[in-house]
Protein backbone atom coordinates (compact mmCIF):
# COMPACT_ATOMS: atom_id res chain seq x y z
CA MET A 1 4.70 -2.93 19.30
CA ALA A 2 3.15 -6.10 20.77
CA GLN A 3 0.51 -6.47 18.05
CA PHE A 4 2.96 -5.58 15.26
CA GLU A 5 5.30 -8.38 16.30
CA HIS A 6 2.66 -10.87 15.08
CA LEU A 7 1.72 -9.10 11.84
CA GLN A 8 3.68 -10.93 9.14
CA VAL A 9 3.12 -8.36 6.37
CA PHE A 10 4.36 -5.59 8.67
CA GLN A 11 7.37 -7.69 9.68
CA SER A 12 8.23 -8.46 6.04
CA MET A 13 8.28 -4.74 5.27
CA SER A 14 10.32 -4.05 8.41
CA ARG A 15 13.03 -6.49 7.32
CA SER A 16 13.57 -4.70 4.02
CA PRO A 17 16.64 -2.41 3.88
CA HIS A 18 14.77 -0.29 1.31
CA ALA A 19 11.45 0.22 3.10
CA ARG A 20 10.93 3.09 5.52
CA LEU A 21 8.24 3.14 8.20
CA HIS A 22 6.84 6.67 8.59
CA ALA A 23 4.08 6.03 11.14
CA HIS A 24 2.21 3.17 12.74
CA ALA A 25 -0.42 2.69 15.42
CA GLU A 26 -2.53 0.05 17.09
CA LEU A 27 -6.14 1.18 16.77
CA GLY A 28 -7.79 -1.33 19.08
CA ASP A 29 -10.35 -3.98 18.12
CA GLY A 30 -7.69 -6.05 16.33
CA LEU A 31 -6.90 -3.25 13.87
CA ALA A 32 -3.54 -1.61 13.18
CA VAL A 33 -2.27 0.82 10.57
CA ALA A 34 1.09 1.75 9.07
CA ARG A 35 2.37 4.21 6.47
CA TRP A 36 5.40 3.19 4.40
CA SER A 37 7.66 4.27 1.59
CA ASN A 38 9.75 1.84 -0.45
CA ALA A 39 11.91 1.81 -3.57
CA HIS A 40 13.72 -0.73 -5.79
CA ASP A 41 12.75 -3.71 -3.69
CA ALA A 42 11.17 -7.16 -3.76
CA ARG A 43 8.81 -8.38 -1.03
CA ASP A 44 7.14 -11.75 -0.46
CA TYR A 45 4.13 -12.39 1.79
CA LEU A 46 3.75 -16.04 2.77
CA ALA A 47 0.41 -17.02 4.31
CA PRO A 48 -0.01 -14.30 6.95
CA SER A 49 -2.49 -15.01 9.73
CA HIS A 50 -4.15 -11.60 9.29
CA HIS A 51 -5.84 -9.67 6.47
CA THR A 52 -4.24 -6.58 4.92
CA LEU A 53 -5.83 -3.73 2.97
CA SER A 54 -3.31 -1.60 1.08
CA CYS A 55 -3.63 1.75 -0.69
CA TYR A 56 -0.99 3.43 -2.85
CA LEU A 57 -0.60 7.08 -1.85
CA ALA A 58 2.06 8.03 -4.44
CA GLY A 59 4.02 6.24 -7.16
CA GLY A 60 3.47 2.57 -7.90
CA THR A 61 3.55 2.64 -11.69
CA GLY A 62 6.64 0.41 -11.55
CA THR A 63 5.18 -1.99 -8.97
CA PHE A 64 3.75 -5.36 -9.98
CA ARG A 65 3.26 -8.93 -8.80
CA ARG A 66 5.97 -11.23 -10.07
CA GLU A 67 3.54 -13.51 -11.90
CA ARG A 68 1.71 -10.54 -13.54
CA PRO A 69 4.35 -8.06 -14.73
CA GLY A 70 1.96 -6.28 -17.08
CA ASP A 71 -0.44 -5.22 -14.29
CA LYS A 72 0.97 -2.10 -12.58
CA GLY A 73 0.00 0.01 -9.61
CA ALA A 74 -0.79 3.74 -9.40
CA PRO A 75 -1.86 6.31 -6.79
CA ASP A 76 -5.19 5.44 -5.12
CA LYS A 77 -5.05 1.81 -6.32
CA LEU A 78 -5.94 -0.71 -3.61
CA CYS A 79 -4.84 -4.27 -2.91
CA ILE A 80 -6.79 -6.78 -0.81
CA LEU A 81 -4.51 -9.38 0.74
CA PRO A 82 -6.46 -12.05 2.68
CA ALA A 83 -5.06 -14.16 5.45
CA GLU A 84 -3.23 -17.25 4.17
CA HIS A 85 -2.61 -15.73 0.73
CA GLN A 86 0.83 -15.79 -0.92
CA SER A 87 2.20 -13.02 -3.12
CA ALA A 88 5.54 -11.81 -4.46
CA TRP A 89 6.04 -8.13 -5.35
CA ILE A 90 8.55 -6.19 -7.41
CA ILE A 91 8.93 -2.47 -6.65
CA ASN A 92 10.65 -0.44 -9.36
CA GLY A 93 10.97 3.25 -8.57
CA GLU A 94 9.54 4.85 -5.45
CA ILE A 95 6.22 4.18 -3.78
CA GLN A 96 4.27 5.45 -0.77
CA LEU A 97 1.52 3.31 0.66
CA ALA A 98 -0.68 2.70 3.67
CA HIS A 99 -1.54 -0.66 5.22
CA LEU A 100 -4.52 -1.57 7.38
CA TYR A 101 -3.96 -4.85 9.24
CA ILE A 102 -7.06 -6.77 10.35
CA GLU A 103 -7.01 -9.64 12.83
CA GLN A 104 -9.21 -12.66 12.08
CA GLU A 105 -11.39 -12.05 15.14
CA GLN A 106 -12.43 -8.59 13.95
CA PHE A 107 -13.22 -10.01 10.52
CA ALA A 108 -15.39 -12.65 12.24
CA LEU A 109 -17.33 -10.03 14.20
CA GLY A 110 -18.06 -8.13 11.00
CA ALA A 111 -19.13 -11.25 9.15
CA VAL A 112 -21.72 -12.06 11.81
CA ALA A 113 -22.97 -8.49 12.31
CA LEU A 114 -23.04 -7.28 8.68
CA LEU A 115 -23.50 -10.43 6.63
CA ASP A 116 -25.31 -12.82 8.98
CA ARG A 117 -22.90 -15.57 7.95
CA GLU A 118 -20.54 -17.90 9.72
CA PRO A 119 -17.05 -16.38 9.35
CA ARG A 120 -15.54 -19.75 8.44
CA SER A 121 -17.86 -19.94 5.41
CA LEU A 122 -16.52 -16.66 3.99
CA GLN A 123 -13.27 -15.48 2.49
CA LEU A 124 -11.94 -12.03 1.74
CA GLN A 125 -11.37 -12.11 -2.01
CA GLU A 126 -7.81 -11.38 -3.06
CA ALA A 127 -7.54 -8.43 -5.47
CA THR A 128 -4.68 -6.39 -6.91
CA PHE A 129 -4.73 -2.74 -8.01
CA VAL A 130 -8.45 -2.23 -7.45
CA GLU A 131 -10.04 1.12 -8.24
CA ASP A 132 -12.36 2.09 -5.39
CA ALA A 133 -12.71 5.85 -4.91
CA GLU A 134 -14.56 5.57 -1.58
CA GLN A 135 -11.87 3.43 -0.01
CA ALA A 136 -9.07 5.61 -1.42
CA VAL A 137 -10.65 8.69 0.17
CA ARG A 138 -10.94 6.88 3.50
CA PHE A 139 -7.28 5.87 3.35
CA ARG A 140 -6.20 9.43 2.60
CA ARG A 141 -8.31 10.79 5.47
CA LEU A 142 -6.80 8.12 7.70
CA CYS A 143 -3.26 9.10 6.73
CA ALA A 144 -3.98 12.80 7.30
CA LEU A 145 -4.58 12.14 11.01
CA ASP A 146 -1.89 12.25 13.70
CA TRP A 147 -2.03 8.71 15.10
CA ARG A 148 0.07 9.73 18.11
CA GLU A 149 -2.64 12.11 19.33
CA PRO A 150 -5.29 10.19 21.35
CA GLY A 151 -8.34 11.91 19.86
CA GLU A 152 -7.14 11.59 16.28
CA ARG A 153 -6.18 7.95 16.85
CA LEU A 154 -9.79 7.30 17.86
CA LEU A 155 -10.98 8.96 14.66
CA ALA A 156 -8.49 6.77 12.80
CA SER A 157 -10.03 3.72 14.48
CA SER A 158 -13.48 4.77 13.25
CA LEU A 159 -12.17 5.16 9.68
CA ALA A 160 -10.48 1.76 9.92
CA HIS A 161 -13.82 0.20 10.85
CA GLU A 162 -15.41 1.91 7.83
CA LEU A 163 -12.68 0.46 5.60
CA LEU A 164 -13.28 -3.02 7.00
CA ASP A 165 -17.08 -2.75 6.71
CA HIS A 166 -16.78 -1.66 3.07
CA ALA A 167 -14.47 -4.60 2.33
CA LEU A 168 -16.86 -7.01 4.03
CA LEU A 169 -19.79 -5.74 1.98
CA ASN A 170 -17.94 -5.61 -1.34
CA GLN A 171 -14.93 -7.97 -1.27
CA VAL A 172 -16.17 -11.10 0.48
CA GLY A 173 -17.41 -14.33 -1.10
CA LEU A 174 -18.36 -17.83 0.00
CA ARG A 175 -15.57 -20.38 0.29
CA GLN A 176 -15.91 -22.83 -2.55
CA GLY A 177 -16.15 -26.56 -1.86
CA LEU A 178 -16.26 -26.06 1.92
CA ARG A 179 -18.19 -28.60 3.99
CA LEU A 180 -18.89 -27.13 7.41
CA LYS A 181 -18.70 -29.53 10.34
CA GLY A 182 -19.95 -28.78 13.80
CA GLY A 183 -21.20 -25.39 14.84
CA LEU A 184 -24.69 -24.09 15.48
CA ALA A 185 -27.52 -24.47 12.99
CA PRO A 186 -28.37 -21.17 11.22
CA LEU A 187 -31.60 -20.81 13.23
CA GLN A 188 -29.72 -21.39 16.50
CA ARG A 189 -27.00 -18.91 15.52
CA ARG A 190 -29.54 -16.19 14.74
CA ARG A 191 -31.51 -16.91 17.91
CA VAL A 192 -28.39 -16.54 20.06
CA ARG A 193 -27.17 -13.48 18.17
CA ASP A 194 -30.52 -11.70 18.44
CA PHE A 195 -30.93 -12.62 22.11
CA ILE A 196 -27.52 -11.15 22.94
CA GLU A 197 -28.33 -7.91 21.07
CA GLN A 198 -31.66 -7.56 22.88
CA HIS A 199 -30.22 -8.23 26.36
CA LEU A 200 -26.86 -6.44 26.38
CA SER A 201 -27.81 -4.52 29.53
CA GLU A 202 -28.41 -7.77 31.45
CA PRO A 203 -26.09 -10.53 32.71
CA LEU A 204 -25.62 -13.14 29.98
CA PRO A 205 -24.30 -16.29 31.65
CA LEU A 206 -23.14 -19.13 29.45
CA SER A 207 -25.86 -21.38 30.90
CA GLN A 208 -28.59 -19.04 29.67
CA LEU A 209 -27.16 -18.86 26.15
CA ALA A 210 -26.66 -22.63 26.02
CA ALA A 211 -30.27 -23.18 27.08
CA LEU A 212 -31.45 -21.27 23.98
CA CYS A 213 -30.00 -24.12 21.92
CA ALA A 214 -30.79 -26.95 24.36
CA LEU A 215 -27.07 -27.75 24.67
CA SER A 216 -24.71 -28.29 27.56
CA GLU A 217 -22.47 -25.32 28.38
CA TYR A 218 -19.36 -27.20 27.22
CA HIS A 219 -20.89 -28.30 23.92
CA PHE A 220 -22.47 -24.89 23.30
CA ALA A 221 -19.16 -23.04 23.86
CA ARG A 222 -17.43 -25.24 21.25
CA MET A 223 -20.27 -24.90 18.75
CA PHE A 224 -20.47 -21.15 19.32
CA GLN A 225 -16.77 -20.64 18.61
CA ALA A 226 -17.05 -22.71 15.43
CA SER A 227 -19.95 -20.58 14.16
CA PHE A 228 -18.98 -17.12 15.46
CA GLY A 229 -15.20 -17.32 15.17
CA LEU A 230 -14.52 -16.42 18.81
CA PRO A 231 -15.59 -17.61 22.28
CA PRO A 232 -18.97 -16.50 23.72
CA HIS A 233 -17.51 -14.20 26.39
CA ARG A 234 -15.35 -12.35 23.86
CA TYR A 235 -18.26 -11.96 21.45
CA VAL A 236 -20.53 -10.58 24.18
CA LEU A 237 -17.85 -8.13 25.33
CA ALA A 238 -17.30 -6.94 21.76
CA ARG A 239 -21.03 -6.35 21.27
CA ARG A 240 -21.28 -4.50 24.60
CA LEU A 241 -18.42 -2.22 23.60
CA ALA A 242 -19.89 -1.61 20.13
CA HIS A 243 -23.20 -0.65 21.74
CA ALA A 244 -21.41 1.68 24.16
CA CYS A 245 -19.53 3.33 21.29
CA ARG A 246 -22.79 4.07 19.51
CA LEU A 247 -24.25 5.66 22.63
CA LEU A 248 -21.12 7.73 23.22
CA ARG A 249 -21.26 9.06 19.66
CA GLN A 250 -25.01 9.57 19.35
CA SER A 251 -26.34 10.43 22.82
CA ALA A 252 -25.66 12.75 25.73
CA LEU A 253 -26.29 10.06 28.35
CA PRO A 254 -23.99 10.16 31.40
CA LEU A 255 -21.16 7.62 31.31
CA GLY A 256 -22.65 5.72 34.25
CA GLU A 257 -25.92 5.18 32.39
CA ILE A 258 -24.09 4.07 29.26
CA ALA A 259 -22.09 1.59 31.35
CA LEU A 260 -25.26 0.03 32.81
CA ASP A 261 -27.14 0.07 29.49
CA SER A 262 -24.20 -1.77 27.89
CA GLY A 263 -24.10 -4.46 30.58
CA PHE A 264 -21.10 -3.34 32.65
CA ALA A 265 -21.33 -3.65 36.41
CA SER A 266 -19.99 -0.16 37.11
CA ALA A 267 -18.57 2.92 35.43
CA SER A 268 -15.05 1.91 36.51
CA HIS A 269 -15.45 -1.59 35.07
CA PHE A 270 -16.74 -0.06 31.84
CA SER A 271 -13.83 2.40 31.68
CA ASN A 272 -11.24 -0.33 32.26
CA ARG A 273 -12.67 -2.62 29.58
CA PHE A 274 -13.05 0.27 27.15
CA ARG A 275 -9.46 1.40 27.67
CA GLN A 276 -8.16 -2.15 27.19
CA ALA A 277 -10.00 -2.49 23.87
CA LEU A 278 -9.59 0.99 22.38
CA GLY A 279 -6.63 2.52 24.21
CA ALA A 280 -8.71 5.46 25.50
CA THR A 281 -11.35 6.22 28.10
CA PRO A 282 -15.05 6.54 27.22
CA GLY A 283 -14.81 10.27 27.92
CA GLN A 284 -11.92 10.67 25.50
CA TYR A 285 -13.84 8.70 22.87
CA ARG A 286 -16.90 10.95 23.22
CA ALA A 287 -14.75 14.09 23.08
CA ALA A 288 -13.01 12.90 19.89
CA PHE A 289 -16.31 12.60 18.02
CA ARG A 290 -17.57 15.96 19.21
């Protein structure tokens, strides 16, 4: 429950005497999921530090935001609730819904990888009762899995990444009136990003990355975090793990070779890092996708 203790939307639902939590799971990579039912309730979300994607599974025709009583929910309707948003909800009748909680760091990784933008320049666009058949199908597939079973939880994690990628590609816009200060120039950011992708199998010391931008290690680390949304070592680890996941899904390479190709010193080091991030071993991950 460690991650859920810091998820304000989850905690708001948990405090309601009317809401019932049916299932929840941490999916790794800063993603978590929960399935709820609720009835005859009112809930307020006040500037959470995380993003939330919500899908109505049943009911919802009596649910609305307090300031827009004429706009009602329905099965398969989605809500996009960005970090720092504020909303007040009235639930008349019964509702079943699923939540996907997304930490800011995972949003930042997606912004860099998919959109080639600085995460701080982007915002997830708030939306209520959206019709998006692709996302609704993903949510229903996600909820059909048994999140307590390790293999199915890994499949749930893959679906959660698909949900996030779709939101990044379709529900993100530039922050208006934002004047960026500090950070790497766009050319420097791309040079560092591309260099990391091309050299994942090699050691990537901070000094080498800083030299690409002709900056001191201290100054580069600060500028990198401003532009990428997380420190250099965490970004490199995330990209190594993403590369390893692709190889586990798409190749028959031995785990030792995948470890070295992804920049880990040994198979045991790779396994430990993988388990910390995804809650499963590389072998379990490969088996789940077979």
